[in-house]
Amino acid sequence: MDRLQSMKVFQRVADEGSFAAAARALDLSPAAVTRFVIDLEKHLGTRLLQRTTRRIALTEAGDHYLTRLRGILAELDEAESAASAHSRELRGVLHMIATPVLASYFLAPRVAAWTLRHPKVVLDITVDAIPQTRVEEFDLTFLIEDENFDANLVARPLMHGEWLFCASPGYLARAGIPLVPHDLREHHFLRQQRRGGGRRIRLLPASGAGEAIDVDANVTLQSMHSDVLHRAALDGAGIALLSRLLTTNQIASGELVHVLPDWVGGRYTLYGAMPSRQLVPARSHAFLEFLREPFVPVRESPGRFTV
């Protein structure tokens, strides 16, 4: 039995939640994936996964084993990278997790530029609405947190920004443009659902000087998922609080309009969080430094494409 391969396969099955998904990710047959896991269980003398017709779940032993295994595989991966460091070429797989909006609008547009620089590093991006609960499972976890963020995480601030009031040109043509904060009461508002609920929103002076204003908004859509609000705003559903980081290009292109420019809905910091293990892969540090650089999209030259 290739014990190392069996360990890697088991971890992938646990992360993907199924044998079939792990087989697709590893480019193996489902039968091969099943055999690797069974061989590992036989070697350890215990069952690691509970299998049913609908899903799999970690046993208590499997959960403890997976926790230790992640650190072992990460250190082996880093040892291989260190051994080949003389070539000055990063390689391996960089496992990351982010919210749907960050994955689609922040990470994905930067993949082309990163790949040109480090073609032998594979970017593996997992999407989760609440990534902060899974920091220990990934090399990098991307979080947007407000000014009061104080968590026990190894996290590097990457950039700061504000929440902007945005709407589509089509919506504003129908409903009019709000000129002062209290005009929001006459508009459809798309709200991030938070604990405690309520319809009141707080606006802060964009200049940083002056008093905040609270407004009872006419909430017509609320969701815990900011990508839902983002998509709805683009489609003309109303005014939403959206991140400056993720809307700059859409505002510049005219897809969205920044309304009430003298006010913001809050300020935030984008963090790249790392697991608490001591050995952090060089590619993780390199990717964080890459993200701190000014973003320059890769522009393809026009040309003919035939099939």
Protein backbone atom coordinates (compact mmCIF):
# COMPACT_ATOMS: atom_id res chain seq x y z
CA MET A 1 0.00 0.00 0.00
CA ASP A 2 1.23 3.50 -0.85
CA ARG A 3 0.55 4.90 2.60
CA LEU A 4 1.30 8.52 1.68
CA GLN A 5 -1.06 8.38 -1.29
CA SER A 6 -3.72 6.75 0.88
CA MET A 7 -3.42 9.60 3.38
CA LYS A 8 -3.74 12.21 0.65
CA VAL A 9 -6.76 10.44 -0.82
CA PHE A 10 -8.46 10.16 2.58
CA GLN A 11 -7.96 13.88 3.21
CA ARG A 12 -9.42 14.72 -0.18
CA VAL A 13 -12.47 12.49 0.40
CA ALA A 14 -13.08 14.23 3.74
CA ASP A 15 -12.69 17.69 2.17
CA GLU A 16 -14.86 16.94 -0.87
CA GLY A 17 -17.54 15.11 1.11
CA SER A 18 -17.78 12.15 -1.28
CA PHE A 19 -15.71 9.49 -2.97
CA ALA A 20 -16.93 10.53 -6.42
CA ALA A 21 -15.95 14.18 -5.95
CA ALA A 22 -12.53 13.18 -4.60
CA ALA A 23 -12.02 10.87 -7.57
CA ARG A 24 -12.75 13.75 -9.99
CA ALA A 25 -10.43 16.11 -8.12
CA LEU A 26 -7.58 13.57 -8.03
CA ASP A 27 -8.17 12.24 -11.55
CA LEU A 28 -8.63 8.71 -10.20
CA SER A 29 -11.41 6.20 -10.60
CA PRO A 30 -13.98 5.98 -7.77
CA ALA A 31 -12.92 2.37 -7.24
CA ALA A 32 -9.28 3.42 -6.77
CA VAL A 33 -10.27 6.10 -4.25
CA THR A 34 -12.38 3.59 -2.30
CA ARG A 35 -9.52 1.09 -2.30
CA PHE A 36 -7.02 3.64 -0.95
CA VAL A 37 -9.33 4.54 1.94
CA ILE A 38 -10.11 0.90 2.77
CA ASP A 39 -6.40 0.05 2.74
CA LEU A 40 -5.69 2.94 5.11
CA GLU A 41 -8.47 1.83 7.47
CA LYS A 42 -7.08 -1.72 7.45
CA HIS A 43 -3.58 -0.42 8.22
CA LEU A 44 -4.86 1.68 11.13
CA GLY A 45 -7.26 -0.99 12.34
CA THR A 46 -10.17 1.42 12.67
CA ARG A 47 -12.96 2.89 10.57
CA LEU A 48 -12.33 6.49 9.51
CA LEU A 49 -15.53 7.17 7.58
CA GLN A 50 -19.17 6.27 8.07
CA ARG A 51 -20.74 5.56 4.69
CA THR A 52 -24.41 5.76 3.85
CA THR A 53 -26.22 5.80 0.52
CA ARG A 54 -26.52 9.59 0.66
CA ARG A 55 -23.38 10.90 2.32
CA ILE A 56 -20.21 10.15 4.23
CA ALA A 57 -19.20 11.40 7.66
CA LEU A 58 -16.03 11.21 9.72
CA THR A 59 -16.01 8.84 12.66
CA GLU A 60 -14.55 10.15 15.90
CA ALA A 61 -11.30 8.35 15.10
CA GLY A 62 -11.37 9.74 11.55
CA ASP A 63 -11.86 13.29 12.82
CA HIS A 64 -8.88 13.06 15.18
CA TYR A 65 -6.75 11.40 12.52
CA LEU A 66 -7.62 14.04 9.90
CA THR A 67 -6.66 16.87 12.25
CA ARG A 68 -3.18 15.41 12.77
CA LEU A 69 -2.89 14.36 9.15
CA ARG A 70 -3.38 17.89 7.78
CA GLY A 71 -0.33 19.12 9.66
CA ILE A 72 1.78 16.13 8.59
CA LEU A 73 0.91 16.49 4.91
CA ALA A 74 1.46 20.24 5.03
CA GLU A 75 4.92 19.78 6.54
CA LEU A 76 5.82 17.14 3.96
CA ASP A 77 4.67 19.47 1.22
CA GLU A 78 6.75 22.30 2.63
CA ALA A 79 9.78 20.03 3.02
CA GLU A 80 9.58 19.19 -0.68
CA SER A 81 9.33 22.86 -1.57
CA ALA A 82 12.32 23.70 0.65
CA ALA A 83 14.38 20.89 -0.90
CA SER A 84 13.79 22.33 -4.37
CA ALA A 85 14.20 25.95 -3.28
CA HIS A 86 17.53 26.21 -5.10
CA SER A 87 15.60 26.36 -8.34
CA ARG A 88 13.77 29.49 -7.07
CA GLU A 89 10.64 28.13 -8.66
CA LEU A 90 7.57 27.76 -6.51
CA ARG A 91 5.53 24.62 -7.03
CA GLY A 92 2.80 22.57 -5.41
CA VAL A 93 -0.86 23.18 -4.60
CA LEU A 94 -2.03 26.27 -2.71
CA HIS A 95 -5.29 25.43 -0.92
CA MET A 96 -7.44 28.52 -0.27
CA ILE A 97 -10.95 29.26 0.93
CA ALA A 98 -13.03 32.41 0.50
CA THR A 99 -16.61 33.62 0.35
CA PRO A 100 -18.33 33.34 -3.05
CA VAL A 101 -17.94 37.06 -3.76
CA LEU A 102 -14.24 37.16 -2.85
CA ALA A 103 -13.57 34.00 -4.84
CA SER A 104 -15.33 35.31 -7.96
CA TYR A 105 -14.54 39.03 -7.92
CA PHE A 106 -11.22 39.24 -6.04
CA LEU A 107 -9.28 35.97 -6.46
CA ALA A 108 -10.42 34.70 -9.86
CA PRO A 109 -9.44 37.89 -11.78
CA ARG A 110 -5.89 37.57 -10.39
CA VAL A 111 -5.33 33.95 -11.42
CA ALA A 112 -3.98 34.76 -14.89
CA ALA A 113 -1.31 37.17 -13.60
CA TRP A 114 -0.26 34.76 -10.83
CA THR A 115 0.00 31.82 -13.24
CA LEU A 116 2.25 33.79 -15.57
CA ARG A 117 4.59 34.39 -12.65
CA HIS A 118 4.38 30.97 -10.98
CA PRO A 119 3.11 28.43 -13.53
CA LYS A 120 3.91 25.39 -11.36
CA VAL A 121 1.73 26.45 -8.42
CA VAL A 122 -1.82 25.12 -8.67
CA LEU A 123 -4.45 27.34 -7.05
CA ASP A 124 -7.18 25.28 -5.38
CA ILE A 125 -10.01 27.63 -4.30
CA THR A 126 -12.83 26.37 -2.08
CA VAL A 127 -15.94 28.53 -1.69
CA ASP A 128 -17.74 28.77 1.65
CA ALA A 129 -20.10 31.45 2.98
CA ILE A 130 -18.45 31.23 6.43
CA PRO A 131 -14.75 30.51 5.76
CA GLN A 132 -13.52 31.71 9.17
CA THR A 133 -14.69 28.43 10.72
CA ARG A 134 -12.28 26.42 8.53
CA VAL A 135 -8.99 28.32 8.84
CA GLU A 136 -7.03 25.28 10.04
CA GLU A 137 -8.01 23.25 6.96
CA PHE A 138 -6.44 25.57 4.35
CA ASP A 139 -3.18 27.30 3.54
CA LEU A 140 -4.96 30.65 3.23
CA THR A 141 -8.39 31.89 4.27
CA PHE A 142 -9.66 35.23 2.98
CA LEU A 143 -11.91 37.27 5.26
CA ILE A 144 -13.51 40.70 5.11
CA GLU A 145 -14.00 41.99 8.64
CA ASP A 146 -15.13 45.31 10.09
CA GLU A 147 -13.13 47.68 12.26
CA ASN A 148 -13.99 45.80 15.47
CA PHE A 149 -12.48 42.51 14.27
CA ASP A 150 -10.47 40.91 17.08
CA ALA A 151 -10.02 37.18 16.53
CA ASN A 152 -7.34 34.79 17.68
CA LEU A 153 -6.08 34.18 14.14
CA VAL A 154 -2.75 34.44 12.36
CA ALA A 155 -4.01 36.99 9.85
CA ARG A 156 -2.25 39.50 7.62
CA PRO A 157 -4.14 42.64 6.58
CA LEU A 158 -4.05 43.01 2.81
CA MET A 159 -6.10 46.14 2.16
CA HIS A 160 -8.70 48.44 3.67
CA GLY A 161 -11.94 49.66 2.17
CA GLU A 162 -15.48 50.91 2.68
CA TRP A 163 -19.00 49.67 2.07
CA LEU A 164 -20.56 51.80 -0.67
CA PHE A 165 -24.21 52.42 -1.54
CA CYS A 166 -24.61 51.11 -5.09
CA ALA A 167 -27.41 50.52 -7.57
CA SER A 168 -27.78 49.78 -11.26
CA PRO A 169 -28.45 52.61 -13.75
CA GLY A 170 -31.75 50.94 -14.67
CA TYR A 171 -33.01 50.95 -11.09
CA LEU A 172 -32.06 54.62 -10.59
CA ALA A 173 -33.77 55.57 -13.84
CA ARG A 174 -37.01 54.06 -12.47
CA ALA A 175 -36.77 55.09 -8.81
CA GLY A 176 -34.68 58.26 -8.87
CA ILE A 177 -31.30 59.04 -7.30
CA PRO A 178 -31.11 59.48 -3.50
CA LEU A 179 -29.43 62.78 -2.65
CA VAL A 180 -29.41 62.66 1.16
CA PRO A 181 -29.40 59.67 3.56
CA HIS A 182 -33.08 59.91 4.48
CA ASP A 183 -34.00 59.47 0.80
CA LEU A 184 -33.17 55.77 1.31
CA ARG A 185 -36.56 55.38 3.01
CA GLU A 186 -38.18 55.78 -0.43
CA HIS A 187 -36.02 53.13 -2.11
CA HIS A 188 -35.77 49.35 -2.17
CA PHE A 189 -32.84 48.40 0.04
CA LEU A 190 -30.88 45.13 -0.24
CA ARG A 191 -29.52 44.29 3.17
CA GLN A 192 -26.89 41.94 4.54
CA GLN A 193 -28.75 39.82 7.09
CA ARG A 194 -27.07 40.00 10.48
CA ARG A 195 -27.82 38.70 13.93
CA GLY A 196 -30.45 40.89 15.53
CA GLY A 197 -32.16 41.81 12.25
CA GLY A 198 -33.90 45.17 12.09
CA ARG A 199 -34.42 47.63 9.27
CA ARG A 200 -32.19 50.45 10.51
CA ILE A 201 -28.95 51.18 8.69
CA ARG A 202 -26.14 53.46 9.83
CA LEU A 203 -24.36 55.84 7.48
CA LEU A 204 -20.93 57.25 8.33
CA PRO A 205 -19.40 60.39 6.77
CA ALA A 206 -16.96 59.30 4.05
CA SER A 207 -14.54 62.00 5.18
CA GLY A 208 -14.26 60.41 8.61
CA ALA A 209 -15.38 63.65 10.30
CA GLY A 210 -18.90 64.26 11.54
CA GLU A 211 -21.76 62.33 13.09
CA ALA A 212 -23.28 59.09 11.89
CA ILE A 213 -26.91 59.02 10.71
CA ASP A 214 -29.38 56.18 11.27
CA VAL A 215 -32.11 55.58 8.69
CA ASP A 216 -35.06 53.17 8.72
CA ALA A 217 -34.69 51.56 5.31
CA ASN A 218 -37.34 49.95 3.17
CA VAL A 219 -35.74 46.47 3.09
CA THR A 220 -37.04 44.37 0.20
CA LEU A 221 -34.29 41.73 0.17
CA GLN A 222 -32.00 40.42 2.86
CA SER A 223 -29.50 37.61 2.74
CA MET A 224 -26.52 36.36 4.68
CA HIS A 225 -24.74 35.90 1.35
CA SER A 226 -23.33 39.12 -0.06
CA ASP A 227 -23.07 37.61 -3.55
CA VAL A 228 -26.89 37.41 -3.62
CA LEU A 229 -27.15 41.13 -2.88
CA HIS A 230 -24.42 41.95 -5.37
CA ARG A 231 -26.15 40.05 -8.16
CA ALA A 232 -29.54 41.53 -7.29
CA ALA A 233 -28.13 45.07 -7.34
CA LEU A 234 -26.59 44.48 -10.77
CA ASP A 235 -29.98 43.28 -12.00
CA GLY A 236 -31.80 46.39 -10.79
CA ALA A 237 -33.46 45.15 -7.58
CA GLY A 238 -32.51 48.17 -5.48
CA ILE A 239 -29.71 49.85 -3.53
CA ALA A 240 -27.18 47.63 -1.77
CA LEU A 241 -24.17 48.13 0.45
CA LEU A 242 -21.30 46.64 -1.53
CA SER A 243 -17.56 46.52 -1.02
CA ARG A 244 -15.45 49.18 -2.74
CA LEU A 245 -12.87 46.45 -3.34
CA LEU A 246 -15.28 44.40 -5.43
CA THR A 247 -17.21 47.17 -7.20
CA THR A 248 -14.49 49.54 -8.40
CA ASN A 249 -14.42 48.10 -11.93
CA GLN A 250 -18.21 47.86 -12.17
CA ILE A 251 -18.61 51.48 -11.10
CA ALA A 252 -15.95 52.56 -13.61
CA SER A 253 -17.69 50.62 -16.41
CA GLY A 254 -21.14 51.98 -15.53
CA GLU A 255 -22.64 48.62 -14.52
CA LEU A 256 -23.18 50.09 -11.04
CA VAL A 257 -23.62 53.65 -9.81
CA HIS A 258 -22.11 54.83 -6.53
CA VAL A 259 -24.88 56.84 -4.83
CA LEU A 260 -24.59 59.02 -1.71
CA PRO A 261 -20.82 59.39 -2.29
CA ASP A 262 -20.42 61.53 0.84
CA TRP A 263 -21.46 58.57 3.00
CA VAL A 264 -20.31 54.99 3.60
CA GLY A 265 -22.01 52.08 5.32
CA GLY A 266 -18.89 51.12 7.28
CA ARG A 267 -15.23 50.30 6.88
CA TYR A 268 -13.50 46.94 6.67
CA THR A 269 -10.16 45.19 6.22
CA LEU A 270 -9.42 42.25 3.93
CA TYR A 271 -7.30 39.67 5.74
CA GLY A 272 -5.37 36.64 4.57
CA ALA A 273 -5.50 34.21 7.50
CA MET A 274 -3.17 31.24 7.93
CA PRO A 275 -3.43 28.11 10.09
CA SER A 276 -1.59 28.12 13.39
CA ARG A 277 0.97 25.52 12.31
CA GLN A 278 4.58 26.69 12.41
CA LEU A 279 5.59 25.77 8.86
CA VAL A 280 3.86 28.00 6.34
CA PRO A 281 4.55 27.16 2.68
CA ALA A 282 6.65 29.65 0.77
CA ARG A 283 3.94 29.81 -1.88
CA SER A 284 1.48 31.10 0.77
CA HIS A 285 3.78 34.00 1.63
CA ALA A 286 4.39 34.66 -2.06
CA PHE A 287 0.68 34.74 -2.86
CA LEU A 288 -0.07 37.16 -0.02
CA GLU A 289 2.69 39.48 -1.23
CA PHE A 290 1.32 39.17 -4.76
CA LEU A 291 -2.14 40.26 -3.57
CA ARG A 292 -0.67 43.36 -1.94
CA GLU A 293 0.61 44.59 -5.30
CA PRO A 294 -1.53 46.92 -7.44
CA PHE A 295 -3.85 44.76 -9.54
CA VAL A 296 -3.06 44.85 -13.25
CA PRO A 297 -5.35 42.54 -15.30
CA VAL A 298 -3.76 40.39 -17.96
CA ARG A 299 -4.92 41.72 -21.32
CA GLU A 300 -5.04 39.26 -24.20
CA SER A 301 -4.14 40.64 -27.60
CA PRO A 302 -6.97 40.34 -30.16
CA GLY A 303 -6.60 37.58 -32.68
CA ARG A 304 -8.40 34.91 -34.62
CA PHE A 305 -9.47 31.72 -32.95
CA THR A 306 -10.57 28.74 -34.98
CA VAL A 307 -11.64 25.26 -34.05
